Amino acid sequence: PTDELDSRRTEFDVTVSTCAVIFNLALAHHFQASTGDEVLMAKTEKLYAMVLRLLDAKSLKHHTALIVKLACINNLSQIRYARGDYKNAREGLSQVSG
């Protein structure tokens, strides 16, 4: 039982760490794309979405995972708002505040 628990913890830690790395990559792309580079902004959205797909309900018990998920949703909402996609921007912000 202990080996199985350690294995699950290790897998969980790798997932959360991977998400943090991908988030930081997305954040760097987001900063660079803020000059109007639509190709880079599309890549940024894909990276944020990848983090959201990787973080499941179980991982949100970890504070770091929760913060990363909320930051991804917030940043995606900001991108959508800037693009004029107000409906999806509001939907994302309601997830963050709800």
PDB file of N, CA and C in Angstrom:
ATOM      1  N   PRO A   1       0.807  -1.204   0.000  1.00  0.00           N
ATOM      2  CA  PRO A   1       0.000   0.000   0.000  1.00  0.00           C
ATOM      3  C   PRO A   1       0.853   1.272   0.000  1.00  0.00           C
ATOM      4  N   THR A   2       1.952   1.265   0.748  1.00  0.00           N
ATOM      5  CA  THR A   2       2.797   2.449   0.831  1.00  0.00           C
ATOM      6  C   THR A   2       3.438   2.760  -0.514  1.00  0.00           C
ATOM      7  N   ASP A   3       3.918   1.730  -1.226  1.00  0.00           N
ATOM      8  CA  ASP A   3       4.514   1.940  -2.543  1.00  0.00           C
ATOM      9  C   ASP A   3       3.506   2.517  -3.521  1.00  0.00           C
ATOM     10  N   GLU A   4       2.279   2.025  -3.450  1.00  0.00           N
ATOM     11  CA  GLU A   4       1.222   2.523  -4.339  1.00  0.00           C
ATOM     12  C   GLU A   4       0.917   3.988  -4.027  1.00  0.00           C
ATOM     13  N   LEU A   5       0.869   4.334  -2.756  1.00  0.00           N
ATOM     14  CA  LEU A   5       0.613   5.712  -2.341  1.00  0.00           C
ATOM     15  C   LEU A   5       1.750   6.624  -2.791  1.00  0.00           C
ATOM     16  N   ASP A   6       2.981   6.177  -2.598  1.00  0.00           N
ATOM     17  CA  ASP A   6       4.135   6.956  -3.036  1.00  0.00           C
ATOM     18  C   ASP A   6       4.124   7.154  -4.544  1.00  0.00           C
ATOM     19  N   SER A   7       3.725   6.123  -5.272  1.00  0.00           N
ATOM     20  CA  SER A   7       3.650   6.202  -6.729  1.00  0.00           C
ATOM     21  C   SER A   7       2.614   7.229  -7.162  1.00  0.00           C
ATOM     22  N   ARG A   8       1.466   7.225  -6.496  1.00  0.00           N
ATOM     23  CA  ARG A   8       0.412   8.193  -6.834  1.00  0.00           C
ATOM     24  C   ARG A   8       0.851   9.607  -6.499  1.00  0.00           C
ATOM     25  N   ARG A   9       1.533   9.781  -5.373  1.00  0.00           N
ATOM     26  CA  ARG A   9       2.033  11.113  -4.995  1.00  0.00           C
ATOM     27  C   ARG A   9       3.054  11.609  -6.010  1.00  0.00           C
ATOM     28  N   THR A  10       3.951  10.724  -6.421  1.00  0.00           N
ATOM     29  CA  THR A  10       4.964  11.097  -7.401  1.00  0.00           C
ATOM     30  C   THR A  10       4.313  11.491  -8.715  1.00  0.00           C
ATOM     31  N   GLU A  11       3.358  10.700  -9.173  1.00  0.00           N
ATOM     32  CA  GLU A  11       2.642  11.011 -10.412  1.00  0.00           C
ATOM     33  C   GLU A  11       1.923  12.360 -10.293  1.00  0.00           C
ATOM     34  N   PHE A  12       1.294  12.579  -9.152  1.00  0.00           N
ATOM     35  CA  PHE A  12       0.593  13.831  -8.892  1.00  0.00           C
ATOM     36  C   PHE A  12       1.561  15.007  -8.901  1.00  0.00           C
ATOM     37  N   ASP A  13       2.692  14.871  -8.205  1.00  0.00           N
ATOM     38  CA  ASP A  13       3.688  15.942  -8.157  1.00  0.00           C
ATOM     39  C   ASP A  13       4.244  16.251  -9.537  1.00  0.00           C
ATOM     40  N   VAL A  14       4.458  15.229 -10.346  1.00  0.00           N
ATOM     41  CA  VAL A  14       4.951  15.435 -11.713  1.00  0.00           C
ATOM     42  C   VAL A  14       3.913  16.189 -12.532  1.00  0.00           C
ATOM     43  N   THR A  15       2.649  15.824 -12.388  1.00  0.00           N
ATOM     44  CA  THR A  15       1.582  16.498 -13.126  1.00  0.00           C
ATOM     45  C   THR A  15       1.505  17.975 -12.745  1.00  0.00           C
ATOM     46  N   VAL A  16       1.503  18.261 -11.456  1.00  0.00           N
ATOM     47  CA  VAL A  16       1.413  19.650 -10.995  1.00  0.00           C
ATOM     48  C   VAL A  16       2.648  20.435 -11.439  1.00  0.00           C
ATOM     49  N   SER A  17       3.818  19.840 -11.320  1.00  0.00           N
ATOM     50  CA  SER A  17       5.049  20.515 -11.755  1.00  0.00           C
ATOM     51  C   SER A  17       5.039  20.772 -13.252  1.00  0.00           C
ATOM     52  N   THR A  18       4.582  19.793 -14.023  1.00  0.00           N
ATOM     53  CA  THR A  18       4.486  19.957 -15.476  1.00  0.00           C
ATOM     54  C   THR A  18       3.533  21.093 -15.817  1.00  0.00           C
ATOM     55  N   CYS A  19       2.416  21.150 -15.135  1.00  0.00           N
ATOM     56  CA  CYS A  19       1.447  22.224 -15.379  1.00  0.00           C
ATOM     57  C   CYS A  19       2.045  23.596 -15.041  1.00  0.00           C
ATOM     58  N   ALA A  20       2.815  23.662 -13.980  1.00  0.00           N
ATOM     59  CA  ALA A  20       3.445  24.932 -13.615  1.00  0.00           C
ATOM     60  C   ALA A  20       4.443  25.374 -14.685  1.00  0.00           C
ATOM     61  N   VAL A  21       5.193  24.434 -15.232  1.00  0.00           N
ATOM     62  CA  VAL A  21       6.148  24.758 -16.291  1.00  0.00           C
ATOM     63  C   VAL A  21       5.418  25.226 -17.554  1.00  0.00           C
ATOM     64  N   ILE A  22       4.370  24.503 -17.945  1.00  0.00           N
ATOM     65  CA  ILE A  22       3.600  24.885 -19.144  1.00  0.00           C
ATOM     66  C   ILE A  22       2.941  26.248 -18.932  1.00  0.00           C
ATOM     67  N   PHE A  23       2.430  26.485 -17.722  1.00  0.00           N
ATOM     68  CA  PHE A  23       1.838  27.792 -17.419  1.00  0.00           C
ATOM     69  C   PHE A  23       2.859  28.905 -17.591  1.00  0.00           C
ATOM     70  N   ASN A  24       4.056  28.698 -17.078  1.00  0.00           N
ATOM     71  CA  ASN A  24       5.089  29.729 -17.203  1.00  0.00           C
ATOM     72  C   ASN A  24       5.475  29.962 -18.660  1.00  0.00           C
ATOM     73  N   LEU A  25       5.506  28.910 -19.446  1.00  0.00           N
ATOM     74  CA  LEU A  25       5.767  29.051 -20.884  1.00  0.00           C
ATOM     75  C   LEU A  25       4.645  29.855 -21.538  1.00  0.00           C
ATOM     76  N   ALA A  26       3.401  29.547 -21.178  1.00  0.00           N
ATOM     77  CA  ALA A  26       2.257  30.292 -21.701  1.00  0.00           C
ATOM     78  C   ALA A  26       2.337  31.762 -21.303  1.00  0.00           C
ATOM     79  N   LEU A  27       2.725  32.006 -20.075  1.00  0.00           N
ATOM     80  CA  LEU A  27       2.836  33.381 -19.583  1.00  0.00           C
ATOM     81  C   LEU A  27       3.902  34.164 -20.360  1.00  0.00           C
ATOM     82  N   ALA A  28       5.031  33.521 -20.643  1.00  0.00           N
ATOM     83  CA  ALA A  28       6.086  34.176 -21.435  1.00  0.00           C
ATOM     84  C   ALA A  28       5.587  34.471 -22.848  1.00  0.00           C
ATOM     85  N   HIS A  29       4.886  33.509 -23.448  1.00  0.00           N
ATOM     86  CA  HIS A  29       4.311  33.728 -24.783  1.00  0.00           C
ATOM     87  C   HIS A  29       3.265  34.841 -24.743  1.00  0.00           C
ATOM     88  N   HIS A  30       2.458  34.853 -23.698  1.00  0.00           N
ATOM     89  CA  HIS A  30       1.415  35.856 -23.539  1.00  0.00           C
ATOM     90  C   HIS A  30       2.037  37.249 -23.510  1.00  0.00           C
ATOM     91  N   PHE A  31       3.093  37.389 -22.756  1.00  0.00           N
ATOM     92  CA  PHE A  31       3.787  38.679 -22.663  1.00  0.00           C
ATOM     93  C   PHE A  31       4.325  39.103 -24.027  1.00  0.00           C
ATOM     94  N   GLN A  32       4.970  38.179 -24.731  1.00  0.00           N
ATOM     95  CA  GLN A  32       5.518  38.499 -26.052  1.00  0.00           C
ATOM     96  C   GLN A  32       4.413  38.777 -27.065  1.00  0.00           C
ATOM     97  N   ALA A  33       3.315  38.057 -26.976  1.00  0.00           N
ATOM     98  CA  ALA A  33       2.220  38.205 -27.940  1.00  0.00           C
ATOM     99  C   ALA A  33       1.419  39.480 -27.711  1.00  0.00           C
ATOM    100  N   SER A  34       1.604  40.122 -26.582  1.00  0.00           N
ATOM    101  CA  SER A  34       0.832  41.328 -26.275  1.00  0.00           C
ATOM    102  C   SER A  34       1.140  42.475 -27.239  1.00  0.00           C
ATOM    103  N   THR A  35       2.163  42.309 -28.061  1.00  0.00           N
ATOM    104  CA  THR A  35       2.489  43.320 -29.063  1.00  0.00           C
ATOM    105  C   THR A  35       1.605  43.190 -30.299  1.00  0.00           C
ATOM    106  N   GLY A  36       0.748  42.159 -30.336  1.00  0.00           N
ATOM    107  CA  GLY A  36      -0.169  41.994 -31.447  1.00  0.00           C
ATOM    108  C   GLY A  36       0.111  40.789 -32.321  1.00  0.00           C
ATOM    109  N   ASP A  37       1.011  39.919 -31.905  1.00  0.00           N
ATOM    110  CA  ASP A  37       1.347  38.723 -32.679  1.00  0.00           C
ATOM    111  C   ASP A  37       0.250  37.677 -32.488  1.00  0.00           C
ATOM    112  N   GLU A  38      -0.640  37.569 -33.469  1.00  0.00           N
ATOM    113  CA  GLU A  38      -1.788  36.658 -33.367  1.00  0.00           C
ATOM    114  C   GLU A  38      -1.381  35.187 -33.363  1.00  0.00           C
ATOM    115  N   VAL A  39      -0.330  34.839 -34.096  1.00  0.00           N
ATOM    116  CA  VAL A  39       0.136  33.442 -34.124  1.00  0.00           C
ATOM    117  C   VAL A  39       0.631  33.037 -32.737  1.00  0.00           C
ATOM    118  N   LEU A  40       1.410  33.901 -32.130  1.00  0.00           N
ATOM    119  CA  LEU A  40       1.925  33.624 -30.792  1.00  0.00           C
ATOM    120  C   LEU A  40       0.791  33.618 -29.762  1.00  0.00           C
ATOM    121  N   MET A  41      -0.210  34.472 -29.959  1.00  0.00           N
ATOM    122  CA  MET A  41      -1.344  34.499 -29.034  1.00  0.00           C
ATOM    123  C   MET A  41      -2.145  33.203 -29.140  1.00  0.00           C
ATOM    124  N   ALA A  42      -2.283  32.665 -30.351  1.00  0.00           N
ATOM    125  CA  ALA A  42      -2.989  31.388 -30.525  1.00  0.00           C
ATOM    126  C   ALA A  42      -2.233  30.267 -29.815  1.00  0.00           C
ATOM    127  N   LYS A  43      -0.915  30.299 -29.897  1.00  0.00           N
ATOM    128  CA  LYS A  43      -0.101  29.300 -29.197  1.00  0.00           C
ATOM    129  C   LYS A  43      -0.266  29.459 -27.680  1.00  0.00           C
ATOM    130  N   THR A  44      -0.334  30.702 -27.232  1.00  0.00           N
ATOM    131  CA  THR A  44      -0.524  30.993 -25.810  1.00  0.00           C
ATOM    132  C   THR A  44      -1.835  30.378 -25.318  1.00  0.00           C
ATOM    133  N   GLU A  45      -2.905  30.569 -26.078  1.00  0.00           N
ATOM    134  CA  GLU A  45      -4.205  30.008 -25.699  1.00  0.00           C
ATOM    135  C   GLU A  45      -4.144  28.489 -25.621  1.00  0.00           C
ATOM    136  N   LYS A  46      -3.453  27.867 -26.562  1.00  0.00           N
ATOM    137  CA  LYS A  46      -3.328  26.406 -26.558  1.00  0.00           C
ATOM    138  C   LYS A  46      -2.578  25.923 -25.322  1.00  0.00           C
ATOM    139  N   LEU A  47      -1.550  26.651 -24.928  1.00  0.00           N
ATOM    140  CA  LEU A  47      -0.778  26.255 -23.744  1.00  0.00           C
ATOM    141  C   LEU A  47      -1.622  26.375 -22.474  1.00  0.00           C
ATOM    142  N   TYR A  48      -2.350  27.488 -22.331  1.00  0.00           N
ATOM    143  CA  TYR A  48      -3.237  27.632 -21.165  1.00  0.00           C
ATOM    144  C   TYR A  48      -4.284  26.513 -21.158  1.00  0.00           C
ATOM    145  N   ALA A  49      -4.868  26.220 -22.311  1.00  0.00           N
ATOM    146  CA  ALA A  49      -5.886  25.168 -22.407  1.00  0.00           C
ATOM    147  C   ALA A  49      -5.292  23.799 -22.060  1.00  0.00           C
ATOM    148  N   MET A  50      -4.040  23.573 -22.434  1.00  0.00           N
ATOM    149  CA  MET A  50      -3.377  22.307 -22.111  1.00  0.00           C
ATOM    150  C   MET A  50      -3.276  22.130 -20.598  1.00  0.00           C
ATOM    151  N   VAL A  51      -2.926  23.195 -19.908  1.00  0.00           N
ATOM    152  CA  VAL A  51      -2.831  23.133 -18.444  1.00  0.00           C
ATOM    153  C   VAL A  51      -4.193  22.785 -17.858  1.00  0.00           C
ATOM    154  N   LEU A  52      -5.236  23.418 -18.360  1.00  0.00           N
ATOM    155  CA  LEU A  52      -6.577  23.151 -17.835  1.00  0.00           C
ATOM    156  C   LEU A  52      -7.002  21.707 -18.072  1.00  0.00           C
ATOM    157  N   ARG A  53      -6.598  21.141 -19.201  1.00  0.00           N
ATOM    158  CA  ARG A  53      -6.923  19.727 -19.471  1.00  0.00           C
ATOM    159  C   ARG A  53      -6.162  18.794 -18.530  1.00  0.00           C
ATOM    160  N   LEU A  54      -4.929  19.144 -18.209  1.00  0.00           N
ATOM    161  CA  LEU A  54      -4.105  18.272 -17.352  1.00  0.00           C
ATOM    162  C   LEU A  54      -4.531  18.296 -15.887  1.00  0.00           C
ATOM    163  N   LEU A  55      -5.059  19.425 -15.449  1.00  0.00           N
ATOM    164  CA  LEU A  55      -5.449  19.544 -14.042  1.00  0.00           C
ATOM    165  C   LEU A  55      -6.875  19.037 -13.867  1.00  0.00           C
ATOM    166  N   ASP A  56      -7.003  17.901 -13.213  1.00  0.00           N
ATOM    167  CA  ASP A  56      -8.326  17.351 -12.961  1.00  0.00           C
ATOM    168  C   ASP A  56      -8.789  17.725 -11.547  1.00  0.00           C
ATOM    169  N   ALA A  57      -9.974  17.289 -11.206  1.00  0.00           N
ATOM    170  CA  ALA A  57     -10.566  17.645  -9.908  1.00  0.00           C
ATOM    171  C   ALA A  57      -9.701  17.181  -8.733  1.00  0.00           C
ATOM    172  N   LYS A  58      -9.066  16.016  -8.860  1.00  0.00           N
ATOM    173  CA  LYS A  58      -8.229  15.501  -7.767  1.00  0.00           C
ATOM    174  C   LYS A  58      -7.035  16.407  -7.517  1.00  0.00           C
ATOM    175  N   SER A  59      -6.443  16.951  -8.586  1.00  0.00           N
ATOM    176  CA  SER A  59      -5.240  17.761  -8.434  1.00  0.00           C
ATOM    177  C   SER A  59      -5.537  19.110  -7.798  1.00  0.00           C
ATOM    178  N   LEU A  60      -6.795  19.540  -7.827  1.00  0.00           N
ATOM    179  CA  LEU A  60      -7.131  20.860  -7.293  1.00  0.00           C
ATOM    180  C   LEU A  60      -7.106  20.908  -5.773  1.00  0.00           C
ATOM    181  N   LYS A  61      -6.892  19.764  -5.135  1.00  0.00           N
ATOM    182  CA  LYS A  61      -6.714  19.751  -3.685  1.00  0.00           C
ATOM    183  C   LYS A  61      -5.351  20.324  -3.310  1.00  0.00           C
ATOM    184  N   HIS A  62      -4.455  20.388  -4.273  1.00  0.00           N
ATOM    185  CA  HIS A  62      -3.115  20.929  -4.079  1.00  0.00           C
ATOM    186  C   HIS A  62      -3.175  22.432  -4.361  1.00  0.00           C
ATOM    187  N   HIS A  63      -2.701  23.244  -3.436  1.00  0.00           N
ATOM    188  CA  HIS A  63      -2.808  24.696  -3.569  1.00  0.00           C
ATOM    189  C   HIS A  63      -2.167  25.220  -4.851  1.00  0.00           C
ATOM    190  N   THR A  64      -1.004  24.702  -5.190  1.00  0.00           N
ATOM    191  CA  THR A  64      -0.315  25.167  -6.398  1.00  0.00           C
ATOM    192  C   THR A  64      -1.154  24.883  -7.640  1.00  0.00           C
ATOM    193  N   ALA A  65      -1.745  23.708  -7.707  1.00  0.00           N
ATOM    194  CA  ALA A  65      -2.575  23.347  -8.859  1.00  0.00           C
ATOM    195  C   ALA A  65      -3.779  24.275  -8.970  1.00  0.00           C
ATOM    196  N   LEU A  66      -4.395  24.583  -7.855  1.00  0.00           N
ATOM    197  CA  LEU A  66      -5.554  25.464  -7.859  1.00  0.00           C
ATOM    198  C   LEU A  66      -5.178  26.863  -8.334  1.00  0.00           C
ATOM    199  N   ILE A  67      -4.068  27.383  -7.841  1.00  0.00           N
ATOM    200  CA  ILE A  67      -3.621  28.721  -8.241  1.00  0.00           C
ATOM    201  C   ILE A  67      -3.299  28.754  -9.736  1.00  0.00           C
ATOM    202  N   VAL A  68      -2.624  27.728 -10.219  1.00  0.00           N
ATOM    203  CA  VAL A  68      -2.288  27.668 -11.648  1.00  0.00           C
ATOM    204  C   VAL A  68      -3.558  27.605 -12.487  1.00  0.00           C
ATOM    205  N   LYS A  69      -4.528  26.808 -12.072  1.00  0.00           N
ATOM    206  CA  LYS A  69      -5.776  26.704 -12.830  1.00  0.00           C
ATOM    207  C   LYS A  69      -6.505  28.042 -12.856  1.00  0.00           C
ATOM    208  N   LEU A  70      -6.634  28.688 -11.722  1.00  0.00           N
ATOM    209  CA  LEU A  70      -7.313  29.982 -11.671  1.00  0.00           C
ATOM    210  C   LEU A  70      -6.588  31.025 -12.522  1.00  0.00           C
ATOM    211  N   ALA A  71      -5.265  31.010 -12.494  1.00  0.00           N
ATOM    212  CA  ALA A  71      -4.499  31.956 -13.300  1.00  0.00           C
ATOM    213  C   ALA A  71      -4.699  31.692 -14.795  1.00  0.00           C
ATOM    214  N   CYS A  72      -4.752  30.422 -15.187  1.00  0.00           N
ATOM    215  CA  CYS A  72      -4.999  30.077 -16.596  1.00  0.00           C
ATOM    216  C   CYS A  72      -6.360  30.579 -17.049  1.00  0.00           C
ATOM    217  N   ILE A  73      -7.375  30.321 -16.243  1.00  0.00           N
ATOM    218  CA  ILE A  73      -8.724  30.765 -16.604  1.00  0.00           C
ATOM    219  C   ILE A  73      -8.764  32.286 -16.698  1.00  0.00           C
ATOM    220  N   ASN A  74      -8.158  32.959 -15.744  1.00  0.00           N
ATOM    221  CA  ASN A  74      -8.112  34.416 -15.746  1.00  0.00           C
ATOM    222  C   ASN A  74      -7.417  34.939 -17.006  1.00  0.00           C
ATOM    223  N   ASN A  75      -6.262  34.372 -17.334  1.00  0.00           N
ATOM    224  CA  ASN A  75      -5.503  34.847 -18.484  1.00  0.00           C
ATOM    225  C   ASN A  75      -6.216  34.548 -19.797  1.00  0.00           C
ATOM    226  N   LEU A  76      -6.852  33.382 -19.897  1.00  0.00           N
ATOM    227  CA  LEU A  76      -7.643  33.081 -21.085  1.00  0.00           C
ATOM    228  C   LEU A  76      -8.803  34.071 -21.225  1.00  0.00           C
ATOM    229  N   SER A  77      -9.421  34.416 -20.111  1.00  0.00           N
ATOM    230  CA  SER A  77     -10.511  35.392 -20.147  1.00  0.00           C
ATOM    231  C   SER A  77     -10.006  36.750 -20.618  1.00  0.00           C
ATOM    232  N   GLN A  78      -8.835  37.128 -20.180  1.00  0.00           N
ATOM    233  CA  GLN A  78      -8.254  38.408 -20.599  1.00  0.00           C
ATOM    234  C   GLN A  78      -7.983  38.410 -22.103  1.00  0.00           C
ATOM    235  N   ILE A  79      -7.454  37.306 -22.616  1.00  0.00           N
ATOM    236  CA  ILE A  79      -7.182  37.182 -24.056  1.00  0.00           C
ATOM    237  C   ILE A  79      -8.495  37.279 -24.834  1.00  0.00           C
ATOM    238  N   ARG A  80      -9.498  36.575 -24.375  1.00  0.00           N
ATOM    239  CA  ARG A  80     -10.798  36.576 -25.070  1.00  0.00           C
ATOM    240  C   ARG A  80     -11.452  37.948 -25.023  1.00  0.00           C
ATOM    241  N   TYR A  81     -11.334  38.626 -23.895  1.00  0.00           N
ATOM    242  CA  TYR A  81     -11.896  39.969 -23.776  1.00  0.00           C
ATOM    243  C   TYR A  81     -11.202  40.920 -24.752  1.00  0.00           C
ATOM    244  N   ALA A  82      -9.883  40.853 -24.795  1.00  0.00           N
ATOM    245  CA  ALA A  82      -9.121  41.724 -25.702  1.00  0.00           C
ATOM    246  C   ALA A  82      -9.482  41.462 -27.165  1.00  0.00           C
ATOM    247  N   ARG A  83      -9.862  40.233 -27.481  1.00  0.00           N
ATOM    248  CA  ARG A  83     -10.232  39.851 -28.831  1.00  0.00           C
ATOM    249  C   ARG A  83     -11.693  40.202 -29.139  1.00  0.00           C
ATOM    250  N   GLY A  84     -12.440  40.612 -28.127  1.00  0.00           N
ATOM    251  CA  GLY A  84     -13.842  40.963 -28.327  1.00  0.00           C
ATOM    252  C   GLY A  84     -14.803  39.816 -28.090  1.00  0.00           C
ATOM    253  N   ASP A  85     -14.296  38.711 -27.567  1.00  0.00           N
ATOM    254  CA  ASP A  85     -15.118  37.535 -27.269  1.00  0.00           C
ATOM    255  C   ASP A  85     -15.622  37.664 -25.829  1.00  0.00           C
ATOM    256  N   TYR A  86     -16.550  38.614 -25.642  1.00  0.00           N
ATOM    257  CA  TYR A  86     -16.992  38.966 -24.295  1.00  0.00           C
ATOM    258  C   TYR A  86     -17.750  37.850 -23.593  1.00  0.00           C
ATOM    259  N   LYS A  87     -18.511  37.082 -24.342  1.00  0.00           N
ATOM    260  CA  LYS A  87     -19.293  35.993 -23.742  1.00  0.00           C
ATOM    261  C   LYS A  87     -18.373  34.966 -23.068  1.00  0.00           C
ATOM    262  N   ASN A  88     -17.364  34.485 -23.798  1.00  0.00           N
ATOM    263  CA  ASN A  88     -16.446  33.500 -23.223  1.00  0.00           C
ATOM    264  C   ASN A  88     -15.549  34.112 -22.151  1.00  0.00           C
ATOM    265  N   ALA A  89     -15.237  35.384 -22.290  1.00  0.00           N
ATOM    266  CA  ALA A  89     -14.444  36.054 -21.258  1.00  0.00           C
ATOM    267  C   ALA A  89     -15.223  36.104 -19.949  1.00  0.00           C
ATOM    268  N   ARG A  90     -16.503  36.475 -20.032  1.00  0.00           N
ATOM    269  CA  ARG A  90     -17.354  36.520 -18.827  1.00  0.00           C
ATOM    270  C   ARG A  90     -17.530  35.130 -18.225  1.00  0.00           C
ATOM    271  N   GLU A  91     -17.685  34.137 -19.090  1.00  0.00           N
ATOM    272  CA  GLU A  91     -17.852  32.767 -18.612  1.00  0.00           C
ATOM    273  C   GLU A  91     -16.623  32.322 -17.804  1.00  0.00           C
ATOM    274  N   GLY A  92     -15.455  32.622 -18.302  1.00  0.00           N
ATOM    275  CA  GLY A  92     -14.227  32.274 -17.594  1.00  0.00           C
ATOM    276  C   GLY A  92     -14.114  32.999 -16.277  1.00  0.00           C
ATOM    277  N   LEU A  93     -14.429  34.285 -16.283  1.00  0.00           N
ATOM    278  CA  LEU A  93     -14.347  35.051 -15.033  1.00  0.00           C
ATOM    279  C   LEU A  93     -15.376  34.585 -14.015  1.00  0.00           C
ATOM    280  N   SER A  94     -16.517  34.114 -14.478  1.00  0.00           N
ATOM    281  CA  SER A  94     -17.497  33.591 -13.527  1.00  0.00           C
ATOM    282  C   SER A  94     -16.988  32.296 -12.897  1.00  0.00           C
ATOM    283  N   GLN A  95     -16.205  31.510 -13.630  1.00  0.00           N
ATOM    284  CA  GLN A  95     -15.598  30.299 -13.060  1.00  0.00           C
ATOM    285  C   GLN A  95     -14.585  30.671 -11.980  1.00  0.00           C
ATOM    286  N   VAL A  96     -13.831  31.727 -12.220  1.00  0.00           N
ATOM    287  CA  VAL A  96     -12.819  32.154 -11.247  1.00  0.00           C
ATOM    288  C   VAL A  96     -13.486  32.676  -9.988  1.00  0.00           C
ATOM    289  N   SER A  97     -14.545  33.454 -10.147  1.00  0.00           N
ATOM    290  CA  SER A  97     -15.195  34.061  -8.988  1.00  0.00           C
ATOM    291  C   SER A  97     -16.190  33.142  -8.301  1.00  0.00           C
ATOM    292  N   GLY A  98     -16.613  32.090  -9.004  1.00  0.00           N
ATOM    293  CA  GLY A  98     -17.647  31.207  -8.448  1.00  0.00           C
ATOM    294  C   GLY A  98     -17.069  30.129  -7.676  1.00  0.00           C
TER     295      GLY A  98
END
